Each structure stands twice: as C-alpha cells, then as structure tokens.
Amino acid sequence: MAEDIPEETALQVVATAGSEPEADVIRQRLESAGISSVAQRTIGGPEWGASGSRYVYVRAHDLERARDLLGLTGTESDSGDLSSGR
C-alpha cells in the first residue's frame, strides 16, 4: 500500500543506468557519500544477466543530494516513484 509509506522514506528514481555494472558504479558512488540506494531492472528491457537498463532509487529525502553528487538536474534523471508503482 503505497499511500501508507511516509513521503520522506518513499523511494525516488535518481538515475537510469544502461546495465547492471553501470548501476553498481552509481550505487557505489552514492554509498561513498552515505546515501543508500537500490537498483531495479526497468520494464521492457532484456531479461538476460547483467544486460538491460536499471533504475537507481534513493530515499526521497536524499534525492536532491544524490542528484548533486551525480551531477544531474531534475530533467536528466527519471522522476519515477517506487511507492506509486512507476
């Protein structure tokens, strides 16, 4: 039930990676700055091994700091929300 998740702990997409290794690099960079993240395969991509794009999610309260760290603006990263099923 997404509506039961407090906004500050809801997950937001901070970046889209082209593959699992790329998502791992993004996650390691975030982790080195103390930002927890998780990667999930995007819908519609190949389902084999490490290929296929991934969304990298962070908690909503870390989103702006994560974007700054990765050098992204709001228009360059996806605005999906895991709690709303996107």
PDB file of N, CA and C in Angstrom:
ATOM      1  N   MET A   1       0.822  -1.175   0.000  1.00  0.00           N
ATOM      2  CA  MET A   1       0.000   0.000   0.000  1.00  0.00           C
ATOM      3  C   MET A   1       0.874   1.250   0.000  1.00  0.00           C
ATOM      4  N   ALA A   2       1.070   1.774  -1.167  1.00  0.00           N
ATOM      5  CA  ALA A   2       1.975   2.910  -1.339  1.00  0.00           C
ATOM      6  C   ALA A   2       1.556   4.124  -0.540  1.00  0.00           C
ATOM      7  N   GLU A   3       0.268   4.334  -0.370  1.00  0.00           N
ATOM      8  CA  GLU A   3      -0.171   5.520   0.356  1.00  0.00           C
ATOM      9  C   GLU A   3       0.181   5.471   1.836  1.00  0.00           C
ATOM     10  N   ASP A   4       0.571   4.319   2.361  1.00  0.00           N
ATOM     11  CA  ASP A   4       0.958   4.179   3.763  1.00  0.00           C
ATOM     12  C   ASP A   4       2.438   4.472   3.998  1.00  0.00           C
ATOM     13  N   ILE A   5       3.214   4.664   2.937  1.00  0.00           N
ATOM     14  CA  ILE A   5       4.652   4.907   3.055  1.00  0.00           C
ATOM     15  C   ILE A   5       4.873   6.394   3.294  1.00  0.00           C
ATOM     16  N   PRO A   6       5.543   6.746   4.400  1.00  0.00           N
ATOM     17  CA  PRO A   6       5.830   8.169   4.638  1.00  0.00           C
ATOM     18  C   PRO A   6       6.643   8.747   3.485  1.00  0.00           C
ATOM     19  N   GLU A   7       6.335   9.979   3.090  1.00  0.00           N
ATOM     20  CA  GLU A   7       6.989  10.599   1.938  1.00  0.00           C
ATOM     21  C   GLU A   7       8.500  10.634   2.067  1.00  0.00           C
ATOM     22  N   GLU A   8       9.029  10.893   3.272  1.00  0.00           N
ATOM     23  CA  GLU A   8      10.475  11.006   3.438  1.00  0.00           C
ATOM     24  C   GLU A   8      11.205   9.682   3.254  1.00  0.00           C
ATOM     25  N   THR A   9      10.493   8.543   3.345  1.00  0.00           N
ATOM     26  CA  THR A   9      11.140   7.242   3.149  1.00  0.00           C
ATOM     27  C   THR A   9      10.750   6.598   1.823  1.00  0.00           C
ATOM     28  N   ALA A  10       9.853   7.233   1.061  1.00  0.00           N
ATOM     29  CA  ALA A  10       9.495   6.714  -0.262  1.00  0.00           C
ATOM     30  C   ALA A  10      10.728   6.746  -1.159  1.00  0.00           C
ATOM     31  N   LEU A  11      10.809   5.797  -2.067  1.00  0.00           N
ATOM     32  CA  LEU A  11      11.956   5.732  -2.974  1.00  0.00           C
ATOM     33  C   LEU A  11      11.662   6.493  -4.256  1.00  0.00           C
ATOM     34  N   GLN A  12      12.664   7.234  -4.736  1.00  0.00           N
ATOM     35  CA  GLN A  12      12.568   8.021  -5.962  1.00  0.00           C
ATOM     36  C   GLN A  12      13.708   7.628  -6.895  1.00  0.00           C
ATOM     37  N   VAL A  13      13.441   7.634  -8.190  1.00  0.00           N
ATOM     38  CA  VAL A  13      14.485   7.343  -9.173  1.00  0.00           C
ATOM     39  C   VAL A  13      15.428   8.538  -9.247  1.00  0.00           C
ATOM     40  N   VAL A  14      16.707   8.282  -9.039  1.00  0.00           N
ATOM     41  CA  VAL A  14      17.706   9.344  -9.164  1.00  0.00           C
ATOM     42  C   VAL A  14      18.429   9.251 -10.503  1.00  0.00           C
ATOM     43  N   ALA A  15      18.517   8.044 -11.073  1.00  0.00           N
ATOM     44  CA  ALA A  15      19.230   7.869 -12.339  1.00  0.00           C
ATOM     45  C   ALA A  15      18.764   6.590 -13.023  1.00  0.00           C
ATOM     46  N   THR A  16      19.003   6.531 -14.320  1.00  0.00           N
ATOM     47  CA  THR A  16      18.762   5.311 -15.087  1.00  0.00           C
ATOM     48  C   THR A  16      20.104   4.863 -15.647  1.00  0.00           C
ATOM     49  N   ALA A  17      20.466   3.626 -15.372  1.00  0.00           N
ATOM     50  CA  ALA A  17      21.731   3.058 -15.838  1.00  0.00           C
ATOM     51  C   ALA A  17      21.457   2.139 -17.026  1.00  0.00           C
ATOM     52  N   GLY A  18      22.418   2.035 -17.924  1.00  0.00           N
ATOM     53  CA  GLY A  18      22.255   1.204 -19.107  1.00  0.00           C
ATOM     54  C   GLY A  18      22.433  -0.283 -18.872  1.00  0.00           C
ATOM     55  N   SER A  19      23.038  -0.641 -17.723  1.00  0.00           N
ATOM     56  CA  SER A  19      23.308  -2.049 -17.422  1.00  0.00           C
ATOM     57  C   SER A  19      23.509  -2.208 -15.913  1.00  0.00           C
ATOM     58  N   GLU A  20      23.573  -3.455 -15.476  1.00  0.00           N
ATOM     59  CA  GLU A  20      23.810  -3.726 -14.060  1.00  0.00           C
ATOM     60  C   GLU A  20      25.161  -3.183 -13.582  1.00  0.00           C
ATOM     61  N   PRO A  21      26.258  -3.385 -14.342  1.00  0.00           N
ATOM     62  CA  PRO A  21      27.539  -2.820 -13.897  1.00  0.00           C
ATOM     63  C   PRO A  21      27.509  -1.296 -13.766  1.00  0.00           C
ATOM     64  N   GLU A  22      26.835  -0.610 -14.688  1.00  0.00           N
ATOM     65  CA  GLU A  22      26.724   0.837 -14.601  1.00  0.00           C
ATOM     66  C   GLU A  22      25.924   1.239 -13.361  1.00  0.00           C
ATOM     67  N   ALA A  23      24.843   0.514 -13.077  1.00  0.00           N
ATOM     68  CA  ALA A  23      24.052   0.783 -11.869  1.00  0.00           C
ATOM     69  C   ALA A  23      24.896   0.572 -10.620  1.00  0.00           C
ATOM     70  N   ASP A  24      25.756  -0.452 -10.637  1.00  0.00           N
ATOM     71  CA  ASP A  24      26.634  -0.713  -9.491  1.00  0.00           C
ATOM     72  C   ASP A  24      27.600   0.444  -9.247  1.00  0.00           C
ATOM     73  N   VAL A  25      28.133   1.027 -10.325  1.00  0.00           N
ATOM     74  CA  VAL A  25      29.045   2.165 -10.188  1.00  0.00           C
ATOM     75  C   VAL A  25      28.306   3.353  -9.567  1.00  0.00           C
ATOM     76  N   ILE A  26      27.094   3.624 -10.049  1.00  0.00           N
ATOM     77  CA  ILE A  26      26.290   4.714  -9.492  1.00  0.00           C
ATOM     78  C   ILE A  26      26.007   4.458  -8.018  1.00  0.00           C
ATOM     79  N   ARG A  27      25.617   3.237  -7.684  1.00  0.00           N
ATOM     80  CA  ARG A  27      25.315   2.892  -6.292  1.00  0.00           C
ATOM     81  C   ARG A  27      26.549   3.027  -5.410  1.00  0.00           C
ATOM     82  N   GLN A  28      27.720   2.622  -5.898  1.00  0.00           N
ATOM     83  CA  GLN A  28      28.950   2.751  -5.114  1.00  0.00           C
ATOM     84  C   GLN A  28      29.284   4.216  -4.865  1.00  0.00           C
ATOM     85  N   ARG A  29      29.079   5.050  -5.859  1.00  0.00           N
ATOM     86  CA  ARG A  29      29.337   6.484  -5.699  1.00  0.00           C
ATOM     87  C   ARG A  29      28.408   7.079  -4.647  1.00  0.00           C
ATOM     88  N   LEU A  30      27.147   6.708  -4.693  1.00  0.00           N
ATOM     89  CA  LEU A  30      26.189   7.185  -3.701  1.00  0.00           C
ATOM     90  C   LEU A  30      26.546   6.666  -2.308  1.00  0.00           C
ATOM     91  N   GLU A  31      26.886   5.399  -2.219  1.00  0.00           N
ATOM     92  CA  GLU A  31      27.237   4.786  -0.937  1.00  0.00           C
ATOM     93  C   GLU A  31      28.445   5.479  -0.314  1.00  0.00           C
ATOM     94  N   SER A  32      29.423   5.866  -1.140  1.00  0.00           N
ATOM     95  CA  SER A  32      30.616   6.532  -0.610  1.00  0.00           C
ATOM     96  C   SER A  32      30.271   7.886   0.011  1.00  0.00           C
ATOM     97  N   ALA A  33      29.120   8.445  -0.371  1.00  0.00           N
ATOM     98  CA  ALA A  33      28.656   9.709   0.199  1.00  0.00           C
ATOM     99  C   ALA A  33      27.624   9.486   1.303  1.00  0.00           C
ATOM    100  N   GLY A  34      27.411   8.221   1.672  1.00  0.00           N
ATOM    101  CA  GLY A  34      26.480   7.906   2.746  1.00  0.00           C
ATOM    102  C   GLY A  34      25.025   7.883   2.327  1.00  0.00           C
ATOM    103  N   ILE A  35      24.764   7.720   1.036  1.00  0.00           N
ATOM    104  CA  ILE A  35      23.395   7.667   0.526  1.00  0.00           C
ATOM    105  C   ILE A  35      23.068   6.224   0.153  1.00  0.00           C
ATOM    106  N   SER A  36      22.081   5.650   0.815  1.00  0.00           N
ATOM    107  CA  SER A  36      21.642   4.289   0.491  1.00  0.00           C
ATOM    108  C   SER A  36      20.872   4.303  -0.812  1.00  0.00           C
ATOM    109  N   SER A  37      21.050   3.254  -1.613  1.00  0.00           N
ATOM    110  CA  SER A  37      20.343   3.166  -2.879  1.00  0.00           C
ATOM    111  C   SER A  37      20.050   1.716  -3.217  1.00  0.00           C
ATOM    112  N   VAL A  38      19.169   1.542  -4.185  1.00  0.00           N
ATOM    113  CA  VAL A  38      18.828   0.214  -4.681  1.00  0.00           C
ATOM    114  C   VAL A  38      18.596   0.338  -6.178  1.00  0.00           C
ATOM    115  N   ALA A  39      18.963  -0.702  -6.932  1.00  0.00           N
ATOM    116  CA  ALA A  39      18.751  -0.707  -8.375  1.00  0.00           C
ATOM    117  C   ALA A  39      17.724  -1.778  -8.715  1.00  0.00           C
ATOM    118  N   GLN A  40      16.910  -1.471  -9.720  1.00  0.00           N
ATOM    119  CA  GLN A  40      15.888  -2.409 -10.168  1.00  0.00           C
ATOM    120  C   GLN A  40      15.808  -2.338 -11.685  1.00  0.00           C
ATOM    121  N   ARG A  41      15.683  -3.498 -12.322  1.00  0.00           N
ATOM    122  CA  ARG A  41      15.587  -3.555 -13.783  1.00  0.00           C
ATOM    123  C   ARG A  41      14.371  -2.749 -14.247  1.00  0.00           C
ATOM    124  N   THR A  42      14.556  -1.992 -15.330  1.00  0.00           N
ATOM    125  CA  THR A  42      13.430  -1.256 -15.896  1.00  0.00           C
ATOM    126  C   THR A  42      12.532  -2.232 -16.645  1.00  0.00           C
ATOM    127  N   ILE A  43      11.316  -1.863 -16.815  1.00  0.00           N
ATOM    128  CA  ILE A  43      10.369  -2.716 -17.529  1.00  0.00           C
ATOM    129  C   ILE A  43      10.611  -2.583 -19.019  1.00  0.00           C
ATOM    130  N   GLY A  44      10.524  -3.698 -19.731  1.00  0.00           N
ATOM    131  CA  GLY A  44      10.628  -3.676 -21.174  1.00  0.00           C
ATOM    132  C   GLY A  44      11.997  -3.981 -21.727  1.00  0.00           C
ATOM    133  N   GLY A  45      12.995  -4.092 -20.869  1.00  0.00           N
ATOM    134  CA  GLY A  45      14.349  -4.399 -21.325  1.00  0.00           C
ATOM    135  C   GLY A  45      14.579  -5.896 -21.396  1.00  0.00           C
ATOM    136  N   PRO A  46      15.748  -6.280 -21.913  1.00  0.00           N
ATOM    137  CA  PRO A  46      16.095  -7.703 -21.951  1.00  0.00           C
ATOM    138  C   PRO A  46      16.154  -8.291 -20.540  1.00  0.00           C
ATOM    139  N   GLU A  47      15.913  -9.540 -20.432  1.00  0.00           N
ATOM    140  CA  GLU A  47      15.871 -10.202 -19.126  1.00  0.00           C
ATOM    141  C   GLU A  47      17.049 -11.135 -18.886  1.00  0.00           C
ATOM    142  N   TRP A  48      18.154 -10.947 -19.617  1.00  0.00           N
ATOM    143  CA  TRP A  48      19.282 -11.864 -19.501  1.00  0.00           C
ATOM    144  C   TRP A  48      20.434 -11.246 -18.736  1.00  0.00           C
ATOM    145  N   GLY A  49      20.839 -11.867 -17.666  1.00  0.00           N
ATOM    146  CA  GLY A  49      22.031 -11.470 -16.936  1.00  0.00           C
ATOM    147  C   GLY A  49      22.105 -10.001 -16.578  1.00  0.00           C
ATOM    148  N   ALA A  50      23.281  -9.419 -16.799  1.00  0.00           N
ATOM    149  CA  ALA A  50      23.546  -8.039 -16.386  1.00  0.00           C
ATOM    150  C   ALA A  50      23.109  -7.018 -17.435  1.00  0.00           C
ATOM    151  N   SER A  51      22.629  -7.487 -18.596  1.00  0.00           N
ATOM    152  CA  SER A  51      22.226  -6.533 -19.628  1.00  0.00           C
ATOM    153  C   SER A  51      20.878  -5.914 -19.289  1.00  0.00           C
ATOM    154  N   GLY A  52      20.565  -4.852 -19.939  1.00  0.00           N
ATOM    155  CA  GLY A  52      19.285  -4.184 -19.722  1.00  0.00           C
ATOM    156  C   GLY A  52      19.416  -3.042 -18.733  1.00  0.00           C
ATOM    157  N   SER A  53      18.622  -2.026 -18.964  1.00  0.00           N
ATOM    158  CA  SER A  53      18.728  -0.831 -18.126  1.00  0.00           C
ATOM    159  C   SER A  53      18.137  -1.051 -16.736  1.00  0.00           C
ATOM    160  N   ARG A  54      18.596  -0.208 -15.812  1.00  0.00           N
ATOM    161  CA  ARG A  54      18.174  -0.281 -14.411  1.00  0.00           C
ATOM    162  C   ARG A  54      17.843   1.117 -13.912  1.00  0.00           C
ATOM    163  N   TYR A  55      16.834   1.206 -13.056  1.00  0.00           N
ATOM    164  CA  TYR A  55      16.578   2.431 -12.312  1.00  0.00           C
ATOM    165  C   TYR A  55      17.373   2.353 -11.021  1.00  0.00           C
ATOM    166  N   VAL A  56      17.958   3.460 -10.613  1.00  0.00           N
ATOM    167  CA  VAL A  56      18.630   3.549  -9.317  1.00  0.00           C
ATOM    168  C   VAL A  56      17.765   4.448  -8.439  1.00  0.00           C
ATOM    169  N   TYR A  57      17.322   3.903  -7.313  1.00  0.00           N
ATOM    170  CA  TYR A  57      16.428   4.596  -6.387  1.00  0.00           C
ATOM    171  C   TYR A  57      17.166   5.030  -5.122  1.00  0.00           C
ATOM    172  N   VAL A  58      16.752   6.171  -4.588  1.00  0.00           N
ATOM    173  CA  VAL A  58      17.207   6.647  -3.279  1.00  0.00           C
ATOM    174  C   VAL A  58      15.978   7.097  -2.503  1.00  0.00           C
ATOM    175  N   ARG A  59      16.146   7.267  -1.193  1.00  0.00           N
ATOM    176  CA  ARG A  59      15.039   7.801  -0.389  1.00  0.00           C
ATOM    177  C   ARG A  59      14.760   9.236  -0.825  1.00  0.00           C
ATOM    178  N   ALA A  60      13.498   9.627  -0.744  1.00  0.00           N
ATOM    179  CA  ALA A  60      13.076  10.958  -1.198  1.00  0.00           C
ATOM    180  C   ALA A  60      13.889  12.067  -0.536  1.00  0.00           C
ATOM    181  N   HIS A  61      14.197  11.913   0.754  1.00  0.00           N
ATOM    182  CA  HIS A  61      14.938  12.977   1.435  1.00  0.00           C
ATOM    183  C   HIS A  61      16.401  13.058   0.999  1.00  0.00           C
ATOM    184  N   ASP A  62      16.908  12.047   0.294  1.00  0.00           N
ATOM    185  CA  ASP A  62      18.283  12.054  -0.229  1.00  0.00           C
ATOM    186  C   ASP A  62      18.345  12.427  -1.703  1.00  0.00           C
ATOM    187  N   LEU A  63      17.195  12.614  -2.347  1.00  0.00           N
ATOM    188  CA  LEU A  63      17.149  12.781  -3.797  1.00  0.00           C
ATOM    189  C   LEU A  63      17.964  13.977  -4.284  1.00  0.00           C
ATOM    190  N   GLU A  64      17.765  15.129  -3.706  1.00  0.00           N
ATOM    191  CA  GLU A  64      18.475  16.328  -4.177  1.00  0.00           C
ATOM    192  C   GLU A  64      19.984  16.194  -3.988  1.00  0.00           C
ATOM    193  N   ARG A  65      20.393  15.676  -2.833  1.00  0.00           N
ATOM    194  CA  ARG A  65      21.827  15.498  -2.568  1.00  0.00           C
ATOM    195  C   ARG A  65      22.428  14.479  -3.538  1.00  0.00           C
ATOM    196  N   ALA A  66      21.680  13.405  -3.826  1.00  0.00           N
ATOM    197  CA  ALA A  66      22.160  12.387  -4.765  1.00  0.00           C
ATOM    198  C   ALA A  66      22.290  12.961  -6.170  1.00  0.00           C
ATOM    199  N   ARG A  67      21.315  13.766  -6.597  1.00  0.00           N
ATOM    200  CA  ARG A  67      21.398  14.401  -7.913  1.00  0.00           C
ATOM    201  C   ARG A  67      22.615  15.311  -8.003  1.00  0.00           C
ATOM    202  N   ASP A  68      22.853  16.080  -6.941  1.00  0.00           N
ATOM    203  CA  ASP A  68      24.028  16.960  -6.918  1.00  0.00           C
ATOM    204  C   ASP A  68      25.311  16.146  -7.032  1.00  0.00           C
ATOM    205  N   LEU A  69      25.395  15.071  -6.266  1.00  0.00           N
ATOM    206  CA  LEU A  69      26.584  14.224  -6.269  1.00  0.00           C
ATOM    207  C   LEU A  69      26.847  13.634  -7.653  1.00  0.00           C
ATOM    208  N   LEU A  70      25.779  13.231  -8.329  1.00  0.00           N
ATOM    209  CA  LEU A  70      25.912  12.611  -9.646  1.00  0.00           C
ATOM    210  C   LEU A  70      25.976  13.629 -10.777  1.00  0.00           C
ATOM    211  N   GLY A  71      25.818  14.918 -10.426  1.00  0.00           N
ATOM    212  CA  GLY A  71      25.876  15.961 -11.434  1.00  0.00           C
ATOM    213  C   GLY A  71      24.646  16.005 -12.316  1.00  0.00           C
ATOM    214  N   LEU A  72      23.493  15.630 -11.766  1.00  0.00           N
ATOM    215  CA  LEU A  72      22.249  15.599 -12.525  1.00  0.00           C
ATOM    216  C   LEU A  72      21.349  16.757 -12.131  1.00  0.00           C
ATOM    217  N   THR A  73      20.525  17.176 -13.066  1.00  0.00           N
ATOM    218  CA  THR A  73      19.452  18.117 -12.742  1.00  0.00           C
ATOM    219  C   THR A  73      18.155  17.322 -12.736  1.00  0.00           C
ATOM    220  N   GLY A  74      17.084  17.905 -12.300  1.00  0.00           N
ATOM    221  CA  GLY A  74      15.799  17.226 -12.247  1.00  0.00           C
ATOM    222  C   GLY A  74      15.324  16.709 -13.591  1.00  0.00           C
ATOM    223  N   THR A  75      15.728  17.355 -14.695  1.00  0.00           N
ATOM    224  CA  THR A  75      15.278  16.930 -16.013  1.00  0.00           C
ATOM    225  C   THR A  75      16.114  15.788 -16.574  1.00  0.00           C
ATOM    226  N   GLU A  76      17.306  15.548 -16.042  1.00  0.00           N
ATOM    227  CA  GLU A  76      18.164  14.493 -16.572  1.00  0.00           C
ATOM    228  C   GLU A  76      17.908  13.149 -15.931  1.00  0.00           C
ATOM    229  N   SER A  77      17.356  13.141 -14.728  1.00  0.00           N
ATOM    230  CA  SER A  77      17.072  11.883 -14.059  1.00  0.00           C
ATOM    231  C   SER A  77      15.591  11.593 -14.169  1.00  0.00           C
ATOM    232  N   ASP A  78      15.224  10.357 -14.006  1.00  0.00           N
ATOM    233  CA  ASP A  78      13.815   9.986 -14.040  1.00  0.00           C
ATOM    234  C   ASP A  78      13.135  10.443 -12.766  1.00  0.00           C
ATOM    235  N   SER A  79      11.856  10.635 -12.848  1.00  0.00           N
ATOM    236  CA  SER A  79      11.117  11.075 -11.666  1.00  0.00           C
ATOM    237  C   SER A  79      10.163  10.003 -11.185  1.00  0.00           C
ATOM    238  N   GLY A  80      10.471   8.740 -11.462  1.00  0.00           N
ATOM    239  CA  GLY A  80       9.618   7.650 -11.016  1.00  0.00           C
ATOM    240  C   GLY A  80       9.640   7.500  -9.521  1.00  0.00           C
ATOM    241  N   ASP A  81       8.584   6.928  -8.984  1.00  0.00           N
ATOM    242  CA  ASP A  81       8.414   6.753  -7.560  1.00  0.00           C
ATOM    243  C   ASP A  81       8.063   5.306  -7.306  1.00  0.00           C
ATOM    244  N   LEU A  82       8.951   4.539  -6.685  1.00  0.00           N
ATOM    245  CA  LEU A  82       8.730   3.130  -6.447  1.00  0.00           C
ATOM    246  C   LEU A  82       7.454   2.888  -5.659  1.00  0.00           C
ATOM    247  N   SER A  83       7.129   3.775  -4.736  1.00  0.00           N
ATOM    248  CA  SER A  83       5.939   3.559  -3.911  1.00  0.00           C
ATOM    249  C   SER A  83       4.655   3.715  -4.706  1.00  0.00           C
ATOM    250  N   SER A  84       4.699   4.375  -5.863  1.00  0.00           N
ATOM    251  CA  SER A  84       3.491   4.535  -6.664  1.00  0.00           C
ATOM    252  C   SER A  84       3.461   3.559  -7.835  1.00  0.00           C
ATOM    253  N   GLY A  85       4.419   2.635  -7.867  1.00  0.00           N
ATOM    254  CA  GLY A  85       4.423   1.592  -8.875  1.00  0.00           C
ATOM    255  C   GLY A  85       5.056   1.983 -10.197  1.00  0.00           C
ATOM    256  N   ARG A  86       5.725   3.125 -10.289  1.00  0.00           N
ATOM    257  CA  ARG A  86       6.414   3.505 -11.531  1.00  0.00           C
ATOM    258  C   ARG A  86       7.812   2.991 -11.536  1.00  0.00           C
TER     259      ARG A  86
END
